[in-house]
Every structure is written in structure tokens, then in C-alpha cells.
Amino acid sequence: MGQDNSKLNKDSRMLSAVSYASAAFFFFLFPLLAPLLIYLFIKEDKFVRFNALQALLLAVSFAVFFTLLVITIFGIIIAVPALILYWIYCVWAAADAYRGRLPNTPFISDFVKLYI
């Protein structure tokens, strides 16, 4: 994807960035709640819906991945660097969305395109 949507209004770009930024915080339901609410209530803006759904699926997939890593014996050794990489990716995706570009998350972006 990575297409330039610089003509988007500031609200669309900000809501898209908030979707990813909230997914970076791993506190209870907040990573899931903000992208879910944005996805459910912003129906007319495909750019925002795409980014919100992608951020939601990214948060869910990371939560499952992180949980499985911690359960394994050596998982905590791998889980901490994975968490740091996840935070970095979420910040990068938020910045990309704020610039008006659609971040391309492997596997997740293709799935989201089917629903948006």
C-alpha cells in the first residue's frame, strides 16, 4: 500500500494515528477499545476504518503472540524484545497514518482490504 493520501483532512489522519498509538499501550482493554470504537463509529471514512481495523487486528495478534511467548520456558527472553519491536512498529504506523499513508502490515493489511 504505502500510497500517499496527503489530501486527507487532519481529523482523518489524527484518528488513524490514534488507532495505532493506542494499540502500543498494553494496558488491559485500552489497546483494543480505542481502535474498536473508532472503527465502529467512523463509517464514512475508509482511510480511518482501514487503519482502525488494522490497529485492532495488530493488537489482538500481538496479545496472542505475547501470551504464547510468556507461557513457554524461554519466552520472557524473547517477549521483551518483541514488545519493544511492537511499540516501535506502532509508533511508526501512527506516524505513517498521520502523514496520510496506509501502513502495510504483513498478512493483516491483506485481510483488512477484504472488509474495507
PDB file of N, CA and C in Angstrom:
ATOM      1  N   MET A   1       0.851  -1.152   0.000  1.00  0.00           N
ATOM      2  CA  MET A   1       0.000   0.000   0.000  1.00  0.00           C
ATOM      3  C   MET A   1       0.901   1.220   0.000  1.00  0.00           C
ATOM      4  N   GLY A   2       1.151   1.801   1.156  1.00  0.00           N
ATOM      5  CA  GLY A   2       2.055   2.921   1.237  1.00  0.00           C
ATOM      6  C   GLY A   2       1.687   4.077   0.339  1.00  0.00           C
ATOM      7  N   GLN A   3       0.441   4.134  -0.142  1.00  0.00           N
ATOM      8  CA  GLN A   3       0.059   5.201  -1.046  1.00  0.00           C
ATOM      9  C   GLN A   3      -0.088   6.507  -0.293  1.00  0.00           C
ATOM     10  N   ASP A   4       0.140   7.615  -1.011  1.00  0.00           N
ATOM     11  CA  ASP A   4       0.106   8.924  -0.381  1.00  0.00           C
ATOM     12  C   ASP A   4      -1.303   9.483  -0.437  1.00  0.00           C
ATOM     13  N   ASN A   5      -1.865   9.773   0.701  1.00  0.00           N
ATOM     14  CA  ASN A   5      -3.191  10.370   0.810  1.00  0.00           C
ATOM     15  C   ASN A   5      -3.075  11.710   1.511  1.00  0.00           C
ATOM     16  N   SER A   6      -2.151  12.553   1.052  1.00  0.00           N
ATOM     17  CA  SER A   6      -1.881  13.809   1.737  1.00  0.00           C
ATOM     18  C   SER A   6      -3.054  14.777   1.669  1.00  0.00           C
ATOM     19  N   LYS A   7      -4.020  14.536   0.774  1.00  0.00           N
ATOM     20  CA  LYS A   7      -5.174  15.426   0.674  1.00  0.00           C
ATOM     21  C   LYS A   7      -6.236  15.124   1.738  1.00  0.00           C
ATOM     22  N   LEU A   8      -6.014  14.110   2.554  1.00  0.00           N
ATOM     23  CA  LEU A   8      -6.953  13.782   3.631  1.00  0.00           C
ATOM     24  C   LEU A   8      -6.989  14.902   4.660  1.00  0.00           C
ATOM     25  N   ASN A   9      -8.141  15.061   5.293  1.00  0.00           N
ATOM     26  CA  ASN A   9      -8.220  16.110   6.305  1.00  0.00           C
ATOM     27  C   ASN A   9      -7.484  15.685   7.572  1.00  0.00           C
ATOM     28  N   LYS A  10      -7.230  16.671   8.411  1.00  0.00           N
ATOM     29  CA  LYS A  10      -6.428  16.428   9.611  1.00  0.00           C
ATOM     30  C   LYS A  10      -7.124  15.480  10.581  1.00  0.00           C
ATOM     31  N   ASP A  11      -8.453  15.540  10.671  1.00  0.00           N
ATOM     32  CA  ASP A  11      -9.181  14.649  11.579  1.00  0.00           C
ATOM     33  C   ASP A  11      -9.011  13.185  11.188  1.00  0.00           C
ATOM     34  N   SER A  12      -9.084  12.893   9.894  1.00  0.00           N
ATOM     35  CA  SER A  12      -8.908  11.513   9.422  1.00  0.00           C
ATOM     36  C   SER A  12      -7.521  11.001   9.766  1.00  0.00           C
ATOM     37  N   ARG A  13      -6.534  11.830   9.511  1.00  0.00           N
ATOM     38  CA  ARG A  13      -5.162  11.419   9.800  1.00  0.00           C
ATOM     39  C   ARG A  13      -4.936  11.253  11.300  1.00  0.00           C
ATOM     40  N   MET A  14      -5.523  12.141  12.104  1.00  0.00           N
ATOM     41  CA  MET A  14      -5.345  12.070  13.556  1.00  0.00           C
ATOM     42  C   MET A  14      -6.022  10.825  14.139  1.00  0.00           C
ATOM     43  N   LEU A  15      -7.250  10.533  13.713  1.00  0.00           N
ATOM     44  CA  LEU A  15      -7.943   9.338  14.210  1.00  0.00           C
ATOM     45  C   LEU A  15      -7.196   8.065  13.825  1.00  0.00           C
ATOM     46  N   SER A  16      -6.644   8.044  12.618  1.00  0.00           N
ATOM     47  CA  SER A  16      -5.871   6.880  12.184  1.00  0.00           C
ATOM     48  C   SER A  16      -4.622   6.712  13.038  1.00  0.00           C
ATOM     49  N   ALA A  17      -3.950   7.810  13.327  1.00  0.00           N
ATOM     50  CA  ALA A  17      -2.746   7.747  14.157  1.00  0.00           C
ATOM     51  C   ALA A  17      -3.085   7.319  15.583  1.00  0.00           C
ATOM     52  N   VAL A  18      -4.203   7.798  16.111  1.00  0.00           N
ATOM     53  CA  VAL A  18      -4.624   7.425  17.468  1.00  0.00           C
ATOM     54  C   VAL A  18      -4.899   5.923  17.551  1.00  0.00           C
ATOM     55  N   SER A  19      -5.425   5.346  16.484  1.00  0.00           N
ATOM     56  CA  SER A  19      -5.686   3.901  16.473  1.00  0.00           C
ATOM     57  C   SER A  19      -4.412   3.111  16.744  1.00  0.00           C
ATOM     58  N   TYR A  20      -3.333   3.478  16.057  1.00  0.00           N
ATOM     59  CA  TYR A  20      -2.064   2.765  16.244  1.00  0.00           C
ATOM     60  C   TYR A  20      -1.404   3.125  17.568  1.00  0.00           C
ATOM     61  N   ALA A  21      -1.461   4.402  17.927  1.00  0.00           N
ATOM     62  CA  ALA A  21      -0.821   4.828  19.176  1.00  0.00           C
ATOM     63  C   ALA A  21      -1.463   4.136  20.376  1.00  0.00           C
ATOM     64  N   SER A  22      -2.774   3.996  20.348  1.00  0.00           N
ATOM     65  CA  SER A  22      -3.439   3.322  21.468  1.00  0.00           C
ATOM     66  C   SER A  22      -3.123   1.834  21.483  1.00  0.00           C
ATOM     67  N   ALA A  23      -2.891   1.248  20.321  1.00  0.00           N
ATOM     68  CA  ALA A  23      -2.539  -0.172  20.263  1.00  0.00           C
ATOM     69  C   ALA A  23      -1.163  -0.435  20.867  1.00  0.00           C
ATOM     70  N   ALA A  24      -0.332   0.590  20.964  1.00  0.00           N
ATOM     71  CA  ALA A  24       1.013   0.420  21.522  1.00  0.00           C
ATOM     72  C   ALA A  24       0.994   0.262  23.034  1.00  0.00           C
ATOM     73  N   PHE A  25      -0.066   0.697  23.672  1.00  0.00           N
ATOM     74  CA  PHE A  25      -0.140   0.618  25.128  1.00  0.00           C
ATOM     75  C   PHE A  25      -0.857  -0.658  25.525  1.00  0.00           C
ATOM     76  N   PHE A  26      -0.161  -1.509  26.245  1.00  0.00           N
ATOM     77  CA  PHE A  26      -0.674  -2.832  26.578  1.00  0.00           C
ATOM     78  C   PHE A  26      -1.298  -2.830  27.966  1.00  0.00           C
ATOM     79  N   PHE A  27      -2.285  -1.965  28.166  1.00  0.00           N
ATOM     80  CA  PHE A  27      -2.988  -1.891  29.443  1.00  0.00           C
ATOM     81  C   PHE A  27      -4.388  -2.434  29.264  1.00  0.00           C
ATOM     82  N   PHE A  28      -4.676  -3.521  29.863  1.00  0.00           N
ATOM     83  CA  PHE A  28      -5.987  -4.157  29.896  1.00  0.00           C
ATOM     84  C   PHE A  28      -6.675  -4.105  28.530  1.00  0.00           C
ATOM     85  N   LEU A  29      -7.783  -3.405  28.390  1.00  0.00           N
ATOM     86  CA  LEU A  29      -8.531  -3.393  27.132  1.00  0.00           C
ATOM     87  C   LEU A  29      -8.278  -2.158  26.284  1.00  0.00           C
ATOM     88  N   PHE A  30      -7.493  -1.202  26.767  1.00  0.00           N
ATOM     89  CA  PHE A  30      -7.301   0.037  26.019  1.00  0.00           C
ATOM     90  C   PHE A  30      -6.751  -0.181  24.613  1.00  0.00           C
ATOM     91  N   PRO A  31      -5.797  -1.092  24.411  1.00  0.00           N
ATOM     92  CA  PRO A  31      -5.309  -1.276  23.044  1.00  0.00           C
ATOM     93  C   PRO A  31      -6.397  -1.763  22.096  1.00  0.00           C
ATOM     94  N   LEU A  32      -7.405  -2.420  22.622  1.00  0.00           N
ATOM     95  CA  LEU A  32      -8.490  -2.918  21.785  1.00  0.00           C
ATOM     96  C   LEU A  32      -9.643  -1.927  21.711  1.00  0.00           C
ATOM     97  N   LEU A  33      -9.853  -1.190  22.766  1.00  0.00           N
ATOM     98  CA  LEU A  33     -11.026  -0.335  22.866  1.00  0.00           C
ATOM     99  C   LEU A  33     -10.981   0.852  21.905  1.00  0.00           C
ATOM    100  N   ALA A  34      -9.892   1.589  21.875  1.00  0.00           N
ATOM    101  CA  ALA A  34      -9.821   2.782  21.025  1.00  0.00           C
ATOM    102  C   ALA A  34      -9.969   2.444  19.541  1.00  0.00           C
ATOM    103  N   PRO A  35      -9.194   1.490  18.981  1.00  0.00           N
ATOM    104  CA  PRO A  35      -9.394   1.175  17.565  1.00  0.00           C
ATOM    105  C   PRO A  35     -10.789   0.613  17.274  1.00  0.00           C
ATOM    106  N   LEU A  36     -11.335  -0.164  18.208  1.00  0.00           N
ATOM    107  CA  LEU A  36     -12.672  -0.727  18.011  1.00  0.00           C
ATOM    108  C   LEU A  36     -13.727   0.376  17.956  1.00  0.00           C
ATOM    109  N   LEU A  37     -13.662   1.315  18.884  1.00  0.00           N
ATOM    110  CA  LEU A  37     -14.628   2.417  18.885  1.00  0.00           C
ATOM    111  C   LEU A  37     -14.493   3.285  17.639  1.00  0.00           C
ATOM    112  N   ILE A  38     -13.268   3.558  17.230  1.00  0.00           N
ATOM    113  CA  ILE A  38     -13.059   4.348  16.013  1.00  0.00           C
ATOM    114  C   ILE A  38     -13.619   3.600  14.813  1.00  0.00           C
ATOM    115  N   TYR A  39     -13.358   2.306  14.728  1.00  0.00           N
ATOM    116  CA  TYR A  39     -13.862   1.505  13.606  1.00  0.00           C
ATOM    117  C   TYR A  39     -15.392   1.467  13.583  1.00  0.00           C
ATOM    118  N   LEU A  40     -16.013   1.333  14.735  1.00  0.00           N
ATOM    119  CA  LEU A  40     -17.471   1.211  14.792  1.00  0.00           C
ATOM    120  C   LEU A  40     -18.199   2.529  14.546  1.00  0.00           C
ATOM    121  N   PHE A  41     -17.618   3.640  14.969  1.00  0.00           N
ATOM    122  CA  PHE A  41     -18.343   4.905  14.887  1.00  0.00           C
ATOM    123  C   PHE A  41     -17.993   5.766  13.680  1.00  0.00           C
ATOM    124  N   ILE A  42     -16.867   5.548  13.055  1.00  0.00           N
ATOM    125  CA  ILE A  42     -16.497   6.321  11.865  1.00  0.00           C
ATOM    126  C   ILE A  42     -16.788   5.439  10.654  1.00  0.00           C
ATOM    127  N   LYS A  43     -17.955   5.627  10.072  1.00  0.00           N
ATOM    128  CA  LYS A  43     -18.391   4.735   8.995  1.00  0.00           C
ATOM    129  C   LYS A  43     -18.114   5.286   7.600  1.00  0.00           C
ATOM    130  N   GLU A  44     -18.019   6.597   7.448  1.00  0.00           N
ATOM    131  CA  GLU A  44     -17.921   7.175   6.113  1.00  0.00           C
ATOM    132  C   GLU A  44     -16.488   7.344   5.610  1.00  0.00           C
ATOM    133  N   ASP A  45     -15.506   7.219   6.461  1.00  0.00           N
ATOM    134  CA  ASP A  45     -14.116   7.455   6.082  1.00  0.00           C
ATOM    135  C   ASP A  45     -13.363   6.127   5.985  1.00  0.00           C
ATOM    136  N   LYS A  46     -13.106   5.683   4.755  1.00  0.00           N
ATOM    137  CA  LYS A  46     -12.450   4.381   4.549  1.00  0.00           C
ATOM    138  C   LYS A  46     -11.008   4.370   5.044  1.00  0.00           C
ATOM    139  N   PHE A  47     -10.340   5.507   4.944  1.00  0.00           N
ATOM    140  CA  PHE A  47      -8.959   5.592   5.427  1.00  0.00           C
ATOM    141  C   PHE A  47      -8.904   5.330   6.931  1.00  0.00           C
ATOM    142  N   VAL A  48      -9.788   5.969   7.671  1.00  0.00           N
ATOM    143  CA  VAL A  48      -9.835   5.796   9.127  1.00  0.00           C
ATOM    144  C   VAL A  48     -10.251   4.374   9.475  1.00  0.00           C
ATOM    145  N   ARG A  49     -11.255   3.844   8.786  1.00  0.00           N
ATOM    146  CA  ARG A  49     -11.727   2.484   9.071  1.00  0.00           C
ATOM    147  C   ARG A  49     -10.635   1.451   8.796  1.00  0.00           C
ATOM    148  N   PHE A  50      -9.901   1.623   7.700  1.00  0.00           N
ATOM    149  CA  PHE A  50      -8.812   0.706   7.372  1.00  0.00           C
ATOM    150  C   PHE A  50      -7.777   0.696   8.490  1.00  0.00           C
ATOM    151  N   ASN A  51      -7.331   1.880   8.886  1.00  0.00           N
ATOM    152  CA  ASN A  51      -6.298   1.969   9.916  1.00  0.00           C
ATOM    153  C   ASN A  51      -6.790   1.487  11.270  1.00  0.00           C
ATOM    154  N   ALA A  52      -8.035   1.781  11.618  1.00  0.00           N
ATOM    155  CA  ALA A  52      -8.571   1.339  12.910  1.00  0.00           C
ATOM    156  C   ALA A  52      -8.682  -0.181  12.961  1.00  0.00           C
ATOM    157  N   LEU A  53      -9.191  -0.786  11.887  1.00  0.00           N
ATOM    158  CA  LEU A  53      -9.310  -2.245  11.864  1.00  0.00           C
ATOM    159  C   LEU A  53      -7.938  -2.906  11.862  1.00  0.00           C
ATOM    160  N   GLN A  54      -6.999  -2.336  11.125  1.00  0.00           N
ATOM    161  CA  GLN A  54      -5.654  -2.899  11.100  1.00  0.00           C
ATOM    162  C   GLN A  54      -4.992  -2.781  12.476  1.00  0.00           C
ATOM    163  N   ALA A  55      -5.167  -1.654  13.153  1.00  0.00           N
ATOM    164  CA  ALA A  55      -4.605  -1.486  14.502  1.00  0.00           C
ATOM    165  C   ALA A  55      -5.247  -2.463  15.481  1.00  0.00           C
ATOM    166  N   LEU A  56      -6.545  -2.675  15.347  1.00  0.00           N
ATOM    167  CA  LEU A  56      -7.251  -3.618  16.222  1.00  0.00           C
ATOM    168  C   LEU A  56      -6.729  -5.038  16.022  1.00  0.00           C
ATOM    169  N   LEU A  57      -6.607  -5.464  14.776  1.00  0.00           N
ATOM    170  CA  LEU A  57      -6.102  -6.810  14.495  1.00  0.00           C
ATOM    171  C   LEU A  57      -4.640  -6.960  14.902  1.00  0.00           C
ATOM    172  N   LEU A  58      -3.874  -5.889  14.750  1.00  0.00           N
ATOM    173  CA  LEU A  58      -2.478  -5.912  15.183  1.00  0.00           C
ATOM    174  C   LEU A  58      -2.392  -6.095  16.694  1.00  0.00           C
ATOM    175  N   ALA A  59      -3.219  -5.387  17.442  1.00  0.00           N
ATOM    176  CA  ALA A  59      -3.218  -5.503  18.908  1.00  0.00           C
ATOM    177  C   ALA A  59      -3.652  -6.896  19.354  1.00  0.00           C
ATOM    178  N   VAL A  60      -4.678  -7.438  18.712  1.00  0.00           N
ATOM    179  CA  VAL A  60      -5.155  -8.784  19.070  1.00  0.00           C
ATOM    180  C   VAL A  60      -4.088  -9.827  18.754  1.00  0.00           C
ATOM    181  N   SER A  61      -3.498  -9.740  17.557  1.00  0.00           N
ATOM    182  CA  SER A  61      -2.494 -10.737  17.181  1.00  0.00           C
ATOM    183  C   SER A  61      -1.264 -10.641  18.076  1.00  0.00           C
ATOM    184  N   PHE A  62      -0.870  -9.421  18.450  1.00  0.00           N
ATOM    185  CA  PHE A  62       0.281  -9.304  19.342  1.00  0.00           C
ATOM    186  C   PHE A  62      -0.043  -9.824  20.734  1.00  0.00           C
ATOM    187  N   ALA A  63      -1.244  -9.589  21.222  1.00  0.00           N
ATOM    188  CA  ALA A  63      -1.635 -10.088  22.549  1.00  0.00           C
ATOM    189  C   ALA A  63      -1.563 -11.612  22.585  1.00  0.00           C
ATOM    190  N   VAL A  64      -2.032 -12.254  21.532  1.00  0.00           N
ATOM    191  CA  VAL A  64      -1.966 -13.722  21.454  1.00  0.00           C
ATOM    192  C   VAL A  64      -0.507 -14.174  21.381  1.00  0.00           C
ATOM    193  N   PHE A  65       0.272 -13.533  20.514  1.00  0.00           N
ATOM    194  CA  PHE A  65       1.684 -13.865  20.345  1.00  0.00           C
ATOM    195  C   PHE A  65       2.451 -13.677  21.657  1.00  0.00           C
ATOM    196  N   PHE A  66       2.239 -12.548  22.323  1.00  0.00           N
ATOM    197  CA  PHE A  66       2.930 -12.240  23.569  1.00  0.00           C
ATOM    198  C   PHE A  66       2.566 -13.248  24.658  1.00  0.00           C
ATOM    199  N   THR A  67       1.302 -13.596  24.742  1.00  0.00           N
ATOM    200  CA  THR A  67       0.851 -14.569  25.742  1.00  0.00           C
ATOM    201  C   THR A  67       1.500 -15.930  25.508  1.00  0.00           C
ATOM    202  N   LEU A  68       1.551 -16.358  24.258  1.00  0.00           N
ATOM    203  CA  LEU A  68       2.186 -17.639  23.945  1.00  0.00           C
ATOM    204  C   LEU A  68       3.680 -17.616  24.252  1.00  0.00           C
ATOM    205  N   LEU A  69       4.332 -16.486  24.007  1.00  0.00           N
ATOM    206  CA  LEU A  69       5.761 -16.385  24.318  1.00  0.00           C
ATOM    207  C   LEU A  69       6.024 -16.478  25.813  1.00  0.00           C
ATOM    208  N   VAL A  70       5.207 -15.806  26.597  1.00  0.00           N
ATOM    209  CA  VAL A  70       5.417 -15.799  28.042  1.00  0.00           C
ATOM    210  C   VAL A  70       5.147 -17.175  28.644  1.00  0.00           C
ATOM    211  N   ILE A  71       4.226 -17.926  28.066  1.00  0.00           N
ATOM    212  CA  ILE A  71       3.897 -19.257  28.581  1.00  0.00           C
ATOM    213  C   ILE A  71       5.061 -20.229  28.399  1.00  0.00           C
ATOM    214  N   THR A  72       5.801 -20.092  27.329  1.00  0.00           N
ATOM    215  CA  THR A  72       6.921 -21.003  27.089  1.00  0.00           C
ATOM    216  C   THR A  72       8.040 -20.744  28.094  1.00  0.00           C
ATOM    217  N   ILE A  73       8.937 -21.689  28.225  1.00  0.00           N
ATOM    218  CA  ILE A  73      10.006 -21.611  29.227  1.00  0.00           C
ATOM    219  C   ILE A  73      10.933 -20.417  28.988  1.00  0.00           C
ATOM    220  N   PHE A  74      11.386 -20.240  27.758  1.00  0.00           N
ATOM    221  CA  PHE A  74      12.318 -19.153  27.456  1.00  0.00           C
ATOM    222  C   PHE A  74      11.607 -17.951  26.846  1.00  0.00           C
ATOM    223  N   GLY A  75      10.311 -17.930  26.966  1.00  0.00           N
ATOM    224  CA  GLY A  75       9.523 -16.879  26.326  1.00  0.00           C
ATOM    225  C   GLY A  75       9.814 -15.482  26.808  1.00  0.00           C
ATOM    226  N   ILE A  76      10.109 -15.310  28.073  1.00  0.00           N
ATOM    227  CA  ILE A  76      10.337 -13.969  28.601  1.00  0.00           C
ATOM    228  C   ILE A  76      11.582 -13.339  27.984  1.00  0.00           C
ATOM    229  N   ILE A  77      12.547 -14.177  27.604  1.00  0.00           N
ATOM    230  CA  ILE A  77      13.761 -13.672  26.957  1.00  0.00           C
ATOM    231  C   ILE A  77      13.420 -13.092  25.586  1.00  0.00           C
ATOM    232  N   ILE A  78      12.499 -13.706  24.896  1.00  0.00           N
ATOM    233  CA  ILE A  78      12.090 -13.246  23.573  1.00  0.00           C
ATOM    234  C   ILE A  78      10.970 -12.216  23.672  1.00  0.00           C
ATOM    235  N   ALA A  79      10.151 -12.303  24.708  1.00  0.00           N
ATOM    236  CA  ALA A  79       8.976 -11.438  24.823  1.00  0.00           C
ATOM    237  C   ALA A  79       9.341  -9.969  24.998  1.00  0.00           C
ATOM    238  N   VAL A  80      10.369  -9.672  25.750  1.00  0.00           N
ATOM    239  CA  VAL A  80      10.739  -8.271  25.984  1.00  0.00           C
ATOM    240  C   VAL A  80      11.202  -7.593  24.693  1.00  0.00           C
ATOM    241  N   PRO A  81      12.122  -8.190  23.921  1.00  0.00           N
ATOM    242  CA  PRO A  81      12.469  -7.563  22.641  1.00  0.00           C
ATOM    243  C   PRO A  81      11.277  -7.496  21.675  1.00  0.00           C
ATOM    244  N   ALA A  82      10.408  -8.500  21.719  1.00  0.00           N
ATOM    245  CA  ALA A  82       9.218  -8.478  20.856  1.00  0.00           C
ATOM    246  C   ALA A  82       8.304  -7.322  21.232  1.00  0.00           C
ATOM    247  N   LEU A  83       8.165  -7.059  22.513  1.00  0.00           N
ATOM    248  CA  LEU A  83       7.343  -5.946  22.977  1.00  0.00           C
ATOM    249  C   LEU A  83       7.932  -4.613  22.524  1.00  0.00           C
ATOM    250  N   ILE A  84       9.237  -4.478  22.607  1.00  0.00           N
ATOM    251  CA  ILE A  84       9.898  -3.246  22.162  1.00  0.00           C
ATOM    252  C   ILE A  84       9.709  -3.052  20.660  1.00  0.00           C
ATOM    253  N   LEU A  85       9.875  -4.121  19.882  1.00  0.00           N
ATOM    254  CA  LEU A  85       9.658  -4.026  18.433  1.00  0.00           C
ATOM    255  C   LEU A  85       8.212  -3.691  18.102  1.00  0.00           C
ATOM    256  N   TYR A  86       7.281  -4.229  18.856  1.00  0.00           N
ATOM    257  CA  TYR A  86       5.860  -3.924  18.667  1.00  0.00           C
ATOM    258  C   TYR A  86       5.591  -2.445  18.922  1.00  0.00           C
ATOM    259  N   TRP A  87       6.145  -1.892  19.991  1.00  0.00           N
ATOM    260  CA  TRP A  87       5.975  -0.469  20.285  1.00  0.00           C
ATOM    261  C   TRP A  87       6.552   0.389  19.164  1.00  0.00           C
ATOM    262  N   ILE A  88       7.739   0.024  18.698  1.00  0.00           N
ATOM    263  CA  ILE A  88       8.369   0.781  17.613  1.00  0.00           C
ATOM    264  C   ILE A  88       7.499   0.734  16.366  1.00  0.00           C
ATOM    265  N   TYR A  89       6.979  -0.443  16.029  1.00  0.00           N
ATOM    266  CA  TYR A  89       6.126  -0.552  14.846  1.00  0.00           C
ATOM    267  C   TYR A  89       4.852   0.280  15.000  1.00  0.00           C
ATOM    268  N   CYS A  90       4.245   0.263  16.176  1.00  0.00           N
ATOM    269  CA  CYS A  90       3.019   1.048  16.391  1.00  0.00           C
ATOM    270  C   CYS A  90       3.282   2.541  16.251  1.00  0.00           C
ATOM    271  N   VAL A  91       4.405   3.010  16.762  1.00  0.00           N
ATOM    272  CA  VAL A  91       4.756   4.430  16.619  1.00  0.00           C
ATOM    273  C   VAL A  91       5.001   4.759  15.152  1.00  0.00           C
ATOM    274  N   TRP A  92       5.699   3.888  14.443  1.00  0.00           N
ATOM    275  CA  TRP A  92       5.948   4.102  13.017  1.00  0.00           C
ATOM    276  C   TRP A  92       4.632   4.115  12.235  1.00  0.00           C
ATOM    277  N   ALA A  93       3.738   3.186  12.526  1.00  0.00           N
ATOM    278  CA  ALA A  93       2.455   3.123  11.823  1.00  0.00           C
ATOM    279  C   ALA A  93       1.605   4.351  12.131  1.00  0.00           C
ATOM    280  N   ALA A  94       1.634   4.817  13.373  1.00  0.00           N
ATOM    281  CA  ALA A  94       0.888   6.025  13.742  1.00  0.00           C
ATOM    282  C   ALA A  94       1.427   7.233  12.983  1.00  0.00           C
ATOM    283  N   ALA A  95       2.741   7.352  12.900  1.00  0.00           N
ATOM    284  CA  ALA A  95       3.346   8.468  12.163  1.00  0.00           C
ATOM    285  C   ALA A  95       3.014   8.378  10.681  1.00  0.00           C
ATOM    286  N   ASP A  96       3.058   7.180  10.134  1.00  0.00           N
ATOM    287  CA  ASP A  96       2.717   6.974   8.725  1.00  0.00           C
ATOM    288  C   ASP A  96       1.256   7.340   8.463  1.00  0.00           C
ATOM    289  N   ALA A  97       0.364   6.909   9.331  1.00  0.00           N
ATOM    290  CA  ALA A  97      -1.058   7.221   9.173  1.00  0.00           C
ATOM    291  C   ALA A  97      -1.299   8.717   9.304  1.00  0.00           C
ATOM    292  N   TYR A  98      -0.585   9.368  10.205  1.00  0.00           N
ATOM    293  CA  TYR A  98      -0.753  10.810  10.369  1.00  0.00           C
ATOM    294  C   TYR A  98      -0.276  11.568   9.134  1.00  0.00           C
ATOM    295  N   ARG A  99       0.706  11.025   8.435  1.00  0.00           N
ATOM    296  CA  ARG A  99       1.169  11.636   7.185  1.00  0.00           C
ATOM    297  C   ARG A  99       0.221  11.377   6.024  1.00  0.00           C
ATOM    298  N   GLY A 100      -0.801  10.537   6.256  1.00  0.00           N
ATOM    299  CA  GLY A 100      -1.768  10.259   5.204  1.00  0.00           C
ATOM    300  C   GLY A 100      -1.463   9.019   4.399  1.00  0.00           C
ATOM    301  N   ARG A 101      -0.548   8.203   4.869  1.00  0.00           N
ATOM    302  CA  ARG A 101      -0.200   6.962   4.170  1.00  0.00           C
ATOM    303  C   ARG A 101      -0.838   5.777   4.871  1.00  0.00           C
ATOM    304  N   LEU A 102      -1.083   4.729   4.116  1.00  0.00           N
ATOM    305  CA  LEU A 102      -1.627   3.497   4.692  1.00  0.00           C
ATOM    306  C   LEU A 102      -0.471   2.560   5.030  1.00  0.00           C
ATOM    307  N   PRO A 103      -0.205   2.336   6.305  1.00  0.00           N
ATOM    308  CA  PRO A 103       0.869   1.409   6.675  1.00  0.00           C
ATOM    309  C   PRO A 103       0.539  -0.010   6.204  1.00  0.00           C
ATOM    310  N   ASN A 104       1.524  -0.689   5.700  1.00  0.00           N
ATOM    311  CA  ASN A 104       1.326  -2.046   5.201  1.00  0.00           C
ATOM    312  C   ASN A 104       1.860  -3.034   6.230  1.00  0.00           C
ATOM    313  N   THR A 105       0.955  -3.647   6.966  1.00  0.00           N
ATOM    314  CA  THR A 105       1.321  -4.657   7.947  1.00  0.00           C
ATOM    315  C   THR A 105       1.195  -6.024   7.277  1.00  0.00           C
ATOM    316  N   PRO A 106       2.269  -6.811   7.239  1.00  0.00           N
ATOM    317  CA  PRO A 106       2.196  -8.109   6.571  1.00  0.00           C
ATOM    318  C   PRO A 106       1.043  -8.961   7.106  1.00  0.00           C
ATOM    319  N   PHE A 107       0.360  -9.616   6.208  1.00  0.00           N
ATOM    320  CA  PHE A 107      -0.778 -10.502   6.473  1.00  0.00           C
ATOM    321  C   PHE A 107      -2.029  -9.738   6.912  1.00  0.00           C
ATOM    322  N   ILE A 108      -1.887  -8.801   7.821  1.00  0.00           N
ATOM    323  CA  ILE A 108      -3.052  -8.092   8.346  1.00  0.00           C
ATOM    324  C   ILE A 108      -3.637  -7.144   7.305  1.00  0.00           C
ATOM    325  N   SER A 109      -2.792  -6.414   6.572  1.00  0.00           N
ATOM    326  CA  SER A 109      -3.293  -5.460   5.575  1.00  0.00           C
ATOM    327  C   SER A 109      -4.131  -6.149   4.506  1.00  0.00           C
ATOM    328  N   ASP A 110      -3.682  -7.292   4.041  1.00  0.00           N
ATOM    329  CA  ASP A 110      -4.443  -8.019   3.021  1.00  0.00           C
ATOM    330  C   ASP A 110      -5.799  -8.455   3.548  1.00  0.00           C
ATOM    331  N   PHE A 111      -5.841  -8.885   4.787  1.00  0.00           N
ATOM    332  CA  PHE A 111      -7.095  -9.299   5.407  1.00  0.00           C
ATOM    333  C   PHE A 111      -8.040  -8.109   5.567  1.00  0.00           C
ATOM    334  N   VAL A 112      -7.499  -6.971   5.986  1.00  0.00           N
ATOM    335  CA  VAL A 112      -8.316  -5.772   6.199  1.00  0.00           C
ATOM    336  C   VAL A 112      -8.892  -5.267   4.881  1.00  0.00           C
ATOM    337  N   LYS A 113      -8.129  -5.364   3.798  1.00  0.00           N
ATOM    338  CA  LYS A 113      -8.606  -4.907   2.482  1.00  0.00           C
ATOM    339  C   LYS A 113      -9.878  -5.633   2.067  1.00  0.00           C
ATOM    340  N   LEU A 114     -10.055  -6.849   2.518  1.00  0.00           N
ATOM    341  CA  LEU A 114     -11.256  -7.607   2.170  1.00  0.00           C
ATOM    342  C   LEU A 114     -12.507  -7.031   2.818  1.00  0.00           C
ATOM    343  N   TYR A 115     -12.354  -6.364   3.956  1.00  0.00           N
ATOM    344  CA  TYR A 115     -13.501  -5.858   4.708  1.00  0.00           C
ATOM    345  C   TYR A 115     -13.734  -4.367   4.557  1.00  0.00           C
ATOM    346  N   ILE A 116     -12.816  -3.660   3.979  1.00  0.00           N
ATOM    347  CA  ILE A 116     -12.973  -2.207   3.824  1.00  0.00           C
ATOM    348  C   ILE A 116     -13.177  -1.868   2.360  1.00  0.00           C
TER     349      ILE A 116
END
